[in-house]
Amino acid sequence: MTEESAPTEDASLVRLLGLAFAGADLVFEIDNDGVIVFALGAAERLTGRPDKALVGKDWASLFNPSESALLTRLRRDLATGERRGPMRVDLAPRMASNAPTGASLSVFRLPQLGSKLSCALSLSSPTGGYPFARDASGFTSVDSFARSTEYLLEEARQAGLVLSLDLVEVRGLRDRLAQLPPEDAEEARQSLQAVLRADSYGGLGGAEVGVDRFAIMRSSEAPPERLLQSVGAATGGAIPELSRMPLDCAATSRNMRTMRLALDRFIEAGGDAAAAGFSDTVARTLRDSSRFRDIVEQSGFQLAYQPVVSLETGRLHHFEALARFSPDTSPAETIQLAEDLDMIQAFDLSVVRSIVRELEAQPRSTRIAANLSAHSLMIDGFLEEILGLVSDSRDLRRRLILEITETRKIQDLDRANSLIALLRKAGHIVCLDDFGAGAASLDYLRRLEVDFIKIDGRYIQSMTEGSRDALVVKHLVALCKELGVATIAEMVETSSVARLSQELGVELGQGWAFSKPLDTPKWSPQSTPKPARGRVGAREIWI
């Protein structure tokens, strides 16, 4: 049926359809068998054929064959009055070099048109132009899913929509598919992919985030029952479970951090997480995120100050400021949370501000080391903010030692070294923390020009004379001396370890052998174990 032969009432509906899909490049209508019965718009641009030539063609011919399962799912599952899309789809390959390869598809089943399906194609992308990728199994890759979600959240915000991150768990799916003939198993997987994609916002599809677990972005108003029924049907009668994480479209970056952390936690928990469920994981992640935001915004932490002393003389060199949050919370866990949420830079700045205030109140001989995440250091603008906190006082910079900590491998060592050089040029002493804890440590020593390295406490804590740990420390110290880098032993808990560390050439020590962390940066060595006797000719560093 062409436009000229369409009944008057159908022509009126077409006009309404044109208004509904005003932003589309091509609108068309298909019957219950998927045959195009009407087309209007820039068909040649999208398909290489005029709109009238599309009438009578299978709508699947407009798209890449890889979209077959999705098209079938849309045509079969769309309820009367329901709309799906826009979703990114791949168009049928064409010879023309400038032919578009992808488009945005929306479908709508108008009640007045019975079994017919109204469709709209547009060259605009529902994922901000980001070409999301599929992994080897055909699902949306986890990385692509996370990146595309940022665009979808922003689009939803502009449209006034509320989205949710839904986790679908189909227990036993992998085992179920393994028992099927390969072709049947592949058909079931394709059917599941199509269900998740058809029900997802923007057609982003589902990301396989663990065994039998899939994450999708959906409208918060989308009924869960429909998705669960479709997933069950696609997987041969399995009983899926659905957990939801509401997302605030006005806080895109915060959503992304929280979503990634919740998924990571759920994945890492493995099969044991099934009992608690994704909802519990999400709730805990949201609580942790909110708690840490309050910590940063309200400076809701305390600082304890542990002395770092000369192993030769026992004299104080400086204090290290250690963040404390609550009696029942591990500082390491909270710091890890800060990094996972990409909020560590805000926390680092808050800590440094507190230390600067403390330095201003203490005698000019007091020096305090602040821990800075290497992740923070590498963020654009962070260095300028740190330098700006003490921009009016070179004396304060000399007294503010910066201790670079690393829980993630530094990817760009050349850039890191240039940033460290700027800190040192400004007057800060720079220390590399936990040296020896990572596989990249020797490369760090070779390429990062710092004043100190702090030898990881695992080497120091159980070190005995002649042990392998002692041998490693001995040669590491010798190498550092050749490079002009001083050394600190951490976790020195006994006088014998303090003495051995000094004999191996380590200059400074930190640990309960000298003092526990203190409430204020004031310390007298009189009540602590007497330091080892100094070696003749040993040099002192900045004392």
Protein backbone atom coordinates (compact mmCIF):
# COMPACT_ATOMS: atom_id res chain seq x y z
CA MET A 1 0.00 0.00 0.00
CA THR A 2 1.53 3.31 -1.13
CA GLU A 3 0.87 6.74 0.27
CA GLU A 4 -1.49 7.56 -2.61
CA SER A 5 -3.68 4.53 -1.95
CA ALA A 6 -3.78 4.89 1.81
CA PRO A 7 -7.27 5.46 3.26
CA THR A 8 -8.06 8.90 4.62
CA GLU A 9 -8.02 7.74 8.26
CA ASP A 10 -4.62 6.14 7.71
CA ALA A 11 -3.32 9.38 6.20
CA SER A 12 -4.44 11.24 9.31
CA LEU A 13 -2.65 8.72 11.47
CA VAL A 14 0.44 9.12 9.30
CA ARG A 15 0.37 12.86 9.93
CA LEU A 16 0.12 12.21 13.65
CA LEU A 17 2.95 9.74 13.32
CA GLY A 18 5.01 12.39 11.54
CA LEU A 19 4.42 14.80 14.40
CA ALA A 20 5.30 12.14 16.98
CA PHE A 21 8.54 11.31 15.21
CA ALA A 22 9.32 14.84 14.00
CA GLY A 23 13.01 14.42 14.77
CA ALA A 24 13.35 11.30 12.61
CA ASP A 25 14.93 11.12 9.16
CA LEU A 26 12.67 8.28 8.06
CA VAL A 27 9.32 7.05 9.38
CA PHE A 28 7.75 3.83 8.19
CA GLU A 29 5.12 1.28 9.14
CA ILE A 30 5.31 -2.52 9.13
CA ASP A 31 2.63 -5.18 9.30
CA ASN A 32 2.54 -8.18 11.59
CA ASP A 33 4.95 -10.07 9.30
CA GLY A 34 7.51 -7.27 9.28
CA VAL A 35 6.67 -6.07 5.77
CA ILE A 36 6.92 -2.30 5.19
CA VAL A 37 3.49 -0.91 4.21
CA PHE A 38 4.31 2.81 4.33
CA ALA A 39 7.50 4.91 4.26
CA LEU A 40 8.19 8.64 4.30
CA GLY A 41 11.39 10.64 4.65
CA ALA A 42 15.08 10.63 3.79
CA ALA A 43 15.14 6.96 2.88
CA GLU A 44 17.89 7.26 0.25
CA ARG A 45 20.27 8.79 2.76
CA LEU A 46 19.72 5.94 5.18
CA THR A 47 19.08 2.97 2.88
CA GLY A 48 20.18 3.97 -0.62
CA ARG A 49 16.60 3.60 -1.88
CA PRO A 50 13.69 6.10 -2.17
CA ASP A 51 10.97 5.78 0.43
CA LYS A 52 8.35 4.44 -2.01
CA ALA A 53 10.76 1.65 -3.04
CA LEU A 54 10.79 0.38 0.51
CA VAL A 55 7.09 -0.50 0.50
CA GLY A 56 6.65 -4.26 0.27
CA LYS A 57 10.18 -4.97 1.58
CA ASP A 58 11.00 -6.83 4.77
CA TRP A 59 12.05 -4.25 7.34
CA ALA A 60 14.95 -6.53 8.30
CA SER A 61 16.51 -5.70 4.91
CA LEU A 62 17.22 -2.16 6.22
CA PHE A 63 19.48 -3.48 8.95
CA ASN A 64 22.61 -5.51 9.42
CA PRO A 65 21.81 -9.25 9.72
CA SER A 66 23.26 -9.12 13.26
CA GLU A 67 20.14 -7.15 14.27
CA SER A 68 17.76 -9.99 13.32
CA ALA A 69 17.12 -11.24 16.87
CA LEU A 70 16.45 -7.70 18.12
CA LEU A 71 14.00 -6.93 15.31
CA THR A 72 12.12 -10.17 15.94
CA ARG A 73 11.91 -9.40 19.65
CA LEU A 74 10.63 -5.87 19.06
CA ARG A 75 7.98 -7.00 16.61
CA ARG A 76 6.73 -9.82 18.82
CA ASP A 77 6.91 -8.30 22.28
CA LEU A 78 5.82 -4.68 21.84
CA ALA A 79 2.49 -4.20 23.61
CA THR A 80 -0.28 -1.98 22.32
CA GLY A 81 0.41 1.65 23.23
CA GLU A 82 4.04 0.87 24.08
CA ARG A 83 7.11 2.62 22.69
CA ARG A 84 10.70 1.35 22.66
CA GLY A 85 13.76 3.37 21.80
CA PRO A 86 15.57 5.30 20.66
CA MET A 87 18.17 2.56 20.36
CA ARG A 88 21.33 2.35 18.31
CA VAL A 89 21.19 -0.17 15.46
CA ASP A 90 23.54 -1.16 12.64
CA LEU A 91 22.27 -0.53 9.13
CA ALA A 92 22.60 -2.91 6.20
CA PRO A 93 26.08 -2.64 4.61
CA ARG A 94 26.28 -0.50 1.46
CA MET A 95 28.96 0.05 -1.16
CA ALA A 96 28.95 3.85 -0.94
CA SER A 97 31.91 5.12 1.07
CA ASN A 98 29.86 7.82 2.79
CA ALA A 99 26.93 5.56 3.64
CA PRO A 100 25.93 5.65 7.31
CA THR A 101 26.60 2.44 9.21
CA GLY A 102 24.40 3.09 12.22
CA ALA A 103 21.21 4.88 13.18
CA SER A 104 18.77 5.35 16.01
CA LEU A 105 15.57 3.30 15.91
CA SER A 106 12.31 3.94 17.75
CA VAL A 107 9.21 1.77 17.51
CA PHE A 108 5.65 2.46 18.67
CA ARG A 109 2.52 0.30 18.50
CA LEU A 110 -0.39 2.72 18.06
CA PRO A 111 -3.71 1.33 19.35
CA GLN A 112 -5.51 2.64 16.23
CA LEU A 113 -3.26 0.64 13.91
CA GLY A 114 -3.88 -2.77 15.39
CA SER A 115 -0.98 -5.15 14.73
CA LYS A 116 0.98 -2.63 12.66
CA LEU A 117 4.16 -1.16 14.08
CA SER A 118 5.20 2.49 13.61
CA CYS A 119 8.96 2.98 13.26
CA ALA A 120 11.34 5.94 13.08
CA LEU A 121 14.98 6.01 12.00
CA SER A 122 17.36 8.87 12.72
CA LEU A 123 21.04 9.38 12.11
CA SER A 124 21.47 10.81 15.60
CA SER A 125 22.90 8.36 18.12
CA PRO A 126 21.24 7.63 21.48
CA THR A 127 24.69 7.06 23.03
CA GLY A 128 26.21 10.45 22.27
CA GLY A 129 28.10 9.09 19.28
CA TYR A 130 30.01 6.57 21.37
CA PRO A 131 30.11 3.31 19.36
CA PHE A 132 29.41 0.75 22.05
CA ALA A 133 31.14 -2.54 21.48
CA ARG A 134 30.16 -6.16 21.96
CA ASP A 135 32.36 -8.65 23.74
CA ALA A 136 33.26 -12.10 22.42
CA SER A 137 29.95 -13.54 23.65
CA GLY A 138 27.90 -10.87 21.88
CA PHE A 139 26.80 -8.91 24.92
CA THR A 140 27.74 -5.27 25.41
CA SER A 141 31.27 -5.12 26.79
CA VAL A 142 31.48 -3.96 30.41
CA ASP A 143 33.77 -1.04 29.51
CA SER A 144 31.54 0.08 26.66
CA PHE A 145 28.47 -0.29 28.88
CA ALA A 146 29.98 1.98 31.53
CA ARG A 147 31.07 4.65 29.06
CA SER A 148 27.83 4.72 27.10
CA THR A 149 25.84 4.95 30.32
CA GLU A 150 27.27 8.43 30.91
CA TYR A 151 25.70 9.67 27.66
CA LEU A 152 22.41 7.93 28.38
CA LEU A 153 22.14 9.45 31.85
CA GLU A 154 22.71 12.91 30.44
CA GLU A 155 20.15 12.30 27.71
CA ALA A 156 17.65 11.06 30.28
CA ARG A 157 18.31 14.11 32.45
CA GLN A 158 17.52 16.44 29.56
CA ALA A 159 14.37 14.47 28.81
CA GLY A 160 13.26 14.51 32.44
CA LEU A 161 13.43 10.71 32.74
CA VAL A 162 14.57 8.60 35.69
CA LEU A 163 16.72 5.57 34.97
CA SER A 164 17.78 2.59 36.99
CA LEU A 165 20.60 0.11 36.80
CA ASP A 166 19.01 -3.33 36.78
CA LEU A 167 20.88 -6.52 37.51
CA VAL A 168 19.29 -9.66 36.08
CA GLU A 169 20.48 -12.94 37.55
CA VAL A 170 19.58 -16.23 35.85
CA ARG A 171 20.94 -18.86 38.19
CA GLY A 172 22.20 -21.98 36.48
CA LEU A 173 22.03 -20.44 33.01
CA ARG A 174 25.58 -21.39 32.04
CA ASP A 175 25.02 -25.00 33.08
CA ARG A 176 21.66 -25.06 31.33
CA LEU A 177 23.16 -23.82 28.05
CA ALA A 178 26.08 -26.23 28.31
CA GLN A 179 23.65 -29.15 28.18
CA LEU A 180 22.07 -27.95 24.92
CA PRO A 181 23.33 -28.65 21.39
CA PRO A 182 25.67 -25.79 20.34
CA GLU A 183 23.20 -24.32 17.84
CA ASP A 184 20.38 -24.32 20.39
CA ALA A 185 22.63 -22.77 23.04
CA GLU A 186 23.68 -20.02 20.63
CA GLU A 187 20.08 -19.33 19.69
CA ALA A 188 19.16 -19.01 23.37
CA ARG A 189 22.03 -16.59 23.99
CA GLN A 190 21.03 -14.46 21.00
CA SER A 191 17.46 -14.45 22.21
CA LEU A 192 18.59 -13.31 25.67
CA GLN A 193 20.77 -10.61 24.13
CA ALA A 194 17.81 -9.36 22.13
CA VAL A 195 15.52 -9.31 25.17
CA LEU A 196 17.98 -7.25 27.21
CA ARG A 197 18.69 -4.91 24.34
CA ALA A 198 15.04 -4.37 23.45
CA ASP A 199 14.19 -3.60 27.07
CA SER A 200 17.20 -1.38 27.76
CA TYR A 201 17.26 2.38 27.55
CA GLY A 202 18.84 3.54 24.31
CA GLY A 203 19.17 -0.06 23.14
CA LEU A 204 22.47 -0.26 24.99
CA GLY A 205 21.79 -3.88 25.79
CA GLY A 206 23.02 -6.02 28.61
CA ALA A 207 26.56 -6.41 29.87
CA GLU A 208 27.52 -9.82 31.22
CA VAL A 209 29.06 -8.86 34.56
CA GLY A 210 29.48 -12.31 36.04
CA VAL A 211 28.40 -15.90 35.72
CA ASP A 212 24.65 -15.84 34.99
CA ARG A 213 24.49 -12.08 35.76
CA PHE A 214 23.64 -9.25 33.39
CA ALA A 215 23.40 -5.49 33.93
CA ILE A 216 21.15 -3.20 31.90
CA MET A 217 19.99 0.42 32.04
CA ARG A 218 16.22 0.85 31.98
CA SER A 219 13.59 3.44 32.63
CA SER A 220 12.64 3.30 36.29
CA GLU A 221 9.00 3.10 35.13
CA ALA A 222 9.58 0.01 33.00
CA PRO A 223 7.65 -2.88 34.57
CA PRO A 224 9.97 -5.58 35.92
CA GLU A 225 7.44 -8.34 35.23
CA ARG A 226 7.73 -7.97 31.47
CA LEU A 227 11.50 -8.22 31.51
CA LEU A 228 11.48 -11.24 33.81
CA GLN A 229 8.92 -13.05 31.65
CA SER A 230 10.87 -12.32 28.47
CA VAL A 231 14.17 -13.43 29.98
CA GLY A 232 12.54 -16.62 31.27
CA ALA A 233 11.08 -17.39 27.86
CA ALA A 234 14.38 -16.68 26.10
CA THR A 235 16.30 -19.01 28.43
CA GLY A 236 13.98 -21.97 28.25
CA GLY A 237 11.87 -21.40 31.32
CA ALA A 238 14.54 -20.26 33.78
CA ILE A 239 13.36 -18.16 36.72
CA PRO A 240 15.38 -14.91 36.68
CA GLU A 241 15.75 -12.46 39.56
CA LEU A 242 15.87 -8.68 39.21
CA SER A 243 17.49 -6.10 41.50
CA ARG A 244 17.34 -2.35 40.85
CA MET A 245 19.59 0.58 41.60
CA PRO A 246 17.88 3.97 41.11
CA LEU A 247 20.08 6.60 39.46
CA ASP A 248 19.95 10.36 39.92
CA CYS A 249 20.22 11.75 36.40
CA ALA A 250 21.32 15.10 37.83
CA ALA A 251 24.49 13.54 39.27
CA THR A 252 25.91 11.63 36.34
CA SER A 253 29.50 11.27 37.47
CA ARG A 254 28.45 10.26 41.00
CA ASN A 255 26.08 7.67 39.51
CA MET A 256 28.85 6.23 37.37
CA ARG A 257 31.23 5.87 40.29
CA THR A 258 28.60 4.30 42.51
CA MET A 259 27.35 2.00 39.76
CA ARG A 260 30.83 0.75 38.93
CA LEU A 261 31.67 0.17 42.57
CA ALA A 262 28.42 -1.70 43.20
CA LEU A 263 29.03 -3.93 40.17
CA ASP A 264 32.65 -4.54 41.14
CA ARG A 265 31.66 -5.49 44.67
CA PHE A 266 28.96 -7.82 43.43
CA ILE A 267 31.26 -9.47 40.89
CA GLU A 268 34.09 -9.90 43.40
CA ALA A 269 31.72 -11.48 45.91
CA GLY A 270 31.14 -14.37 43.51
CA GLY A 271 28.52 -16.99 44.21
CA ASP A 272 28.33 -16.05 47.88
CA ALA A 273 26.69 -12.78 46.89
CA ALA A 274 23.60 -14.57 45.64
CA ALA A 275 22.31 -14.99 49.16
CA ALA A 276 22.57 -11.27 49.94
CA GLY A 277 21.61 -10.13 46.46
CA PHE A 278 22.55 -7.18 44.31
CA SER A 279 20.04 -4.94 46.08
CA ASP A 280 21.92 -5.36 49.35
CA THR A 281 25.21 -4.63 47.59
CA VAL A 282 23.76 -1.51 46.02
CA ALA A 283 22.26 -0.33 49.32
CA ARG A 284 25.60 -0.75 51.08
CA THR A 285 27.44 1.04 48.26
CA LEU A 286 25.00 3.95 48.36
CA ARG A 287 25.40 4.21 52.14
CA ASP A 288 29.18 4.11 51.84
CA SER A 289 29.14 6.72 49.06
CA SER A 290 26.95 9.06 51.09
CA ARG A 291 29.05 8.53 54.21
CA PHE A 292 32.28 9.34 52.42
CA ARG A 293 30.82 12.46 50.78
CA ASP A 294 29.90 13.65 54.27
CA ILE A 295 33.43 12.89 55.49
CA VAL A 296 34.94 15.04 52.76
CA GLU A 297 32.43 17.88 52.94
CA GLN A 298 32.47 18.10 56.74
CA SER A 299 36.13 17.12 57.30
CA GLY A 300 34.73 14.20 59.27
CA PHE A 301 38.05 12.58 60.06
CA GLN A 302 40.74 12.85 62.69
CA LEU A 303 44.48 12.95 62.16
CA ALA A 304 46.94 11.02 64.29
CA TYR A 305 50.63 11.87 64.11
CA GLN A 306 53.28 9.15 64.20
CA PRO A 307 56.92 10.22 64.68
CA VAL A 308 59.57 9.33 62.10
CA VAL A 309 62.98 9.38 63.76
CA SER A 310 66.66 9.07 62.97
CA LEU A 311 67.75 5.49 63.57
CA GLU A 312 71.21 6.82 64.45
CA THR A 313 70.36 9.51 67.00
CA GLY A 314 66.74 8.87 67.91
CA ARG A 315 65.93 12.49 67.11
CA LEU A 316 62.60 13.41 65.55
CA HIS A 317 62.70 14.03 61.82
CA HIS A 318 59.00 14.57 61.10
CA PHE A 319 55.51 13.25 61.80
CA GLU A 320 53.35 11.31 59.39
CA ALA A 321 49.67 12.33 59.53
CA LEU A 322 47.41 9.25 59.57
CA ALA A 323 43.71 9.63 58.84
CA ARG A 324 41.27 8.04 61.27
CA PHE A 325 37.54 7.75 60.62
CA SER A 326 35.81 5.69 63.29
CA PRO A 327 36.79 3.03 65.84
CA ASP A 328 35.09 0.24 63.88
CA THR A 329 36.22 1.26 60.36
CA SER A 330 39.57 0.37 58.87
CA PRO A 331 41.30 3.46 57.45
CA ALA A 332 42.60 1.31 54.58
CA GLU A 333 39.06 0.27 53.63
CA THR A 334 37.83 3.87 53.64
CA ILE A 335 40.78 5.08 51.57
CA GLN A 336 40.13 2.27 49.09
CA LEU A 337 36.48 3.35 48.96
CA ALA A 338 37.58 6.92 48.21
CA GLU A 339 39.68 5.73 45.29
CA ASP A 340 36.92 3.46 43.99
CA LEU A 341 34.51 6.41 44.04
CA ASP A 342 37.07 8.74 42.42
CA MET A 343 36.76 11.01 45.46
CA ILE A 344 40.27 10.50 46.77
CA GLN A 345 41.49 13.82 45.35
CA ALA A 346 38.87 15.76 47.34
CA PHE A 347 39.80 13.81 50.45
CA ASP A 348 43.54 14.38 49.91
CA LEU A 349 42.99 18.11 49.61
CA SER A 350 40.88 18.15 52.77
CA VAL A 351 43.64 16.32 54.69
CA VAL A 352 46.34 18.67 53.44
CA ARG A 353 44.27 21.71 54.48
CA SER A 354 44.02 20.27 58.00
CA ILE A 355 47.77 19.60 58.10
CA VAL A 356 48.57 23.14 56.92
CA ARG A 357 46.43 24.54 59.73
CA GLU A 358 48.29 22.33 62.20
CA LEU A 359 51.69 23.42 60.85
CA GLU A 360 50.69 27.07 61.23
CA ALA A 361 49.94 26.41 64.91
CA GLN A 362 53.15 24.47 65.62
CA PRO A 363 56.78 25.64 66.02
CA ARG A 364 58.70 26.16 62.79
CA SER A 365 60.75 23.06 63.53
CA THR A 366 57.69 20.82 63.14
CA ARG A 367 57.38 18.93 59.87
CA ILE A 368 54.42 16.75 58.89
CA ALA A 369 54.03 14.31 56.00
CA ALA A 370 50.72 14.17 54.17
CA ASN A 371 49.74 11.10 52.17
CA LEU A 372 48.73 11.85 48.59
CA SER A 373 47.25 9.21 46.33
CA ALA A 374 49.18 8.81 43.09
CA HIS A 375 45.73 8.71 41.49
CA SER A 376 45.05 12.23 42.81
CA LEU A 377 48.43 13.53 41.68
CA MET A 378 47.75 12.50 38.09
CA ILE A 379 44.40 14.34 37.89
CA ASP A 380 44.56 17.58 35.92
CA GLY A 381 44.58 20.60 38.20
CA PHE A 382 45.29 18.71 41.43
CA LEU A 383 48.95 19.81 41.60
CA GLU A 384 47.96 23.46 41.27
CA GLU A 385 45.43 23.06 44.10
CA ILE A 386 48.04 21.50 46.40
CA LEU A 387 50.58 24.21 45.67
CA GLY A 388 47.90 26.85 46.12
CA LEU A 389 47.24 25.75 49.71
CA VAL A 390 50.69 27.01 50.78
CA SER A 391 51.36 29.47 47.97
CA ASP A 392 52.24 32.33 50.35
CA SER A 393 54.84 30.50 52.42
CA ARG A 394 57.92 28.65 51.20
CA ASP A 395 58.63 27.87 54.87
CA LEU A 396 55.36 25.92 55.04
CA ARG A 397 56.24 24.04 51.88
CA ARG A 398 59.56 23.03 53.41
CA ARG A 399 57.70 21.71 56.45
CA LEU A 400 54.94 19.95 54.47
CA ILE A 401 56.33 16.62 53.27
CA LEU A 402 54.31 14.88 50.56
CA GLU A 403 54.19 11.09 50.67
CA ILE A 404 52.98 9.55 47.40
CA THR A 405 50.96 6.40 47.98
CA GLU A 406 49.95 3.99 45.27
CA THR A 407 47.17 1.42 45.25
CA ARG A 408 46.90 1.46 41.45
CA LYS A 409 49.83 1.24 39.08
CA ILE A 410 50.94 4.61 37.74
CA GLN A 411 50.50 4.35 33.98
CA ASP A 412 52.45 7.45 32.91
CA LEU A 413 55.68 7.53 34.91
CA ASP A 414 57.18 10.35 32.83
CA ARG A 415 54.26 12.64 33.64
CA ALA A 416 54.32 11.56 37.28
CA ASN A 417 58.01 12.44 37.48
CA SER A 418 57.42 15.88 35.97
CA LEU A 419 54.73 16.57 38.58
CA ILE A 420 57.00 15.39 41.40
CA ALA A 421 59.74 17.67 40.05
CA LEU A 422 57.38 20.64 40.29
CA LEU A 423 56.57 19.76 43.92
CA ARG A 424 60.25 19.52 44.80
CA LYS A 425 61.05 22.75 42.96
CA ALA A 426 58.36 24.47 45.04
CA GLY A 427 60.16 23.37 48.21
CA HIS A 428 58.36 20.16 49.22
CA ILE A 429 60.21 17.01 50.28
CA VAL A 430 58.68 14.09 48.35
CA CYS A 431 58.59 10.50 49.58
CA LEU A 432 57.48 7.37 47.71
CA ASP A 433 55.45 5.22 50.11
CA ASP A 434 55.33 1.42 50.48
CA PHE A 435 58.33 0.79 48.26
CA GLY A 436 58.59 -2.89 47.37
CA ALA A 437 54.85 -3.55 47.65
CA GLY A 438 54.29 -3.56 43.88
CA ALA A 439 55.87 -5.21 40.89
CA ALA A 440 56.69 -1.83 39.36
CA SER A 441 58.75 -0.56 42.29
CA LEU A 442 62.20 -0.86 40.68
CA ASP A 443 60.95 0.95 37.60
CA TYR A 444 59.55 3.64 39.90
CA LEU A 445 62.95 4.05 41.55
CA ARG A 446 64.60 4.27 38.15
CA ARG A 447 62.19 6.87 36.74
CA LEU A 448 60.80 8.86 39.69
CA GLU A 449 63.19 11.35 41.28
CA VAL A 450 62.15 11.56 44.92
CA ASP A 451 63.89 12.48 48.18
CA PHE A 452 62.85 9.44 50.21
CA ILE A 453 61.47 5.98 49.74
CA LYS A 454 59.61 4.27 52.56
CA ILE A 455 60.44 0.56 52.57
CA ASP A 456 57.30 -1.53 52.80
CA GLY A 457 56.70 -2.79 56.33
CA ARG A 458 56.38 -6.40 55.19
CA TYR A 459 60.13 -6.45 54.63
CA ILE A 460 60.85 -4.73 57.94
CA GLN A 461 58.40 -6.25 60.40
CA SER A 462 59.75 -9.80 60.52
CA MET A 463 63.29 -9.04 59.40
CA THR A 464 66.10 -10.91 61.20
CA GLU A 465 69.84 -10.83 60.73
CA GLY A 466 70.88 -12.79 57.64
CA SER A 467 67.30 -13.33 56.46
CA ARG A 468 66.25 -12.93 52.83
CA ASP A 469 64.25 -9.82 53.76
CA ALA A 470 67.34 -8.31 55.37
CA LEU A 471 69.37 -9.08 52.25
CA VAL A 472 66.78 -7.39 50.04
CA VAL A 473 66.74 -4.31 52.30
CA LYS A 474 70.56 -4.15 52.38
CA HIS A 475 70.88 -4.05 48.59
CA LEU A 476 67.91 -1.73 48.19
CA VAL A 477 69.48 0.76 50.61
CA ALA A 478 72.80 0.55 48.77
CA LEU A 479 71.05 1.26 45.47
CA CYS A 480 69.19 4.21 46.97
CA LYS A 481 72.41 5.70 48.32
CA GLU A 482 73.91 5.52 44.84
CA LEU A 483 70.87 7.39 43.52
CA GLY A 484 70.92 9.96 46.33
CA VAL A 485 67.62 8.78 47.79
CA ALA A 486 67.22 8.45 51.58
CA THR A 487 65.31 5.54 53.14
CA ILE A 488 62.67 5.10 55.84
CA ALA A 489 61.81 1.78 57.50
CA GLU A 490 58.14 1.54 58.47
CA MET A 491 56.49 -0.82 60.96
CA VAL A 492 59.57 -0.93 63.20
CA GLU A 493 58.07 -2.59 66.25
CA THR A 494 61.09 -3.76 68.28
CA SER A 495 64.46 -2.31 69.22
CA SER A 496 66.21 -5.26 67.56
CA VAL A 497 64.53 -4.50 64.23
CA ALA A 498 65.42 -0.83 64.69
CA ARG A 499 69.06 -1.76 65.29
CA LEU A 500 69.18 -4.14 62.32
CA SER A 501 67.56 -1.53 60.03
CA GLN A 502 70.26 0.96 60.99
CA GLU A 503 73.01 -1.60 60.45
CA LEU A 504 71.65 -2.21 56.97
CA GLY A 505 71.99 1.51 56.24
CA VAL A 506 68.40 2.72 56.63
CA GLU A 507 68.40 6.34 57.86
CA LEU A 508 64.94 6.84 59.39
CA GLY A 509 62.45 4.61 61.17
CA GLN A 510 58.79 4.70 62.05
CA GLY A 511 56.79 2.36 64.27
CA TRP A 512 55.76 1.43 67.77
CA ALA A 513 59.37 0.82 68.77
CA PHE A 514 59.57 4.63 68.91
CA SER A 515 55.99 5.79 69.42
CA LYS A 516 52.39 4.98 68.70
CA PRO A 517 50.41 7.55 66.66
CA LEU A 518 49.72 10.65 68.77
CA ASP A 519 46.76 12.99 69.02
CA THR A 520 48.98 16.03 68.46
CA PRO A 521 52.35 16.44 66.70
CA LYS A 522 54.33 16.67 69.94
CA TRP A 523 56.67 13.92 71.08
CA SER A 524 59.41 13.26 73.58
CA PRO A 525 61.66 10.22 73.00
CA GLN A 526 62.38 9.79 76.69
CA SER A 527 59.72 7.14 77.26
CA THR A 528 60.51 5.11 74.15
CA PRO A 529 63.13 2.42 73.57
CA LYS A 530 66.64 3.82 73.26
CA PRO A 531 67.72 3.89 69.59
CA ALA A 532 70.58 1.80 68.31
CA ARG A 533 74.05 3.22 68.69
CA GLY A 534 75.00 5.37 65.72
CA ARG A 535 77.59 4.36 63.16
CA VAL A 536 80.69 6.53 62.83
CA GLY A 537 80.41 8.75 59.77
CA ALA A 538 76.73 8.05 59.12
CA ARG A 539 75.00 11.02 57.51
CA GLU A 540 71.90 12.78 58.75
CA ILE A 541 69.14 13.77 56.39
CA TRP A 542 67.37 17.13 56.88
CA ILE A 543 67.72 16.99 60.67
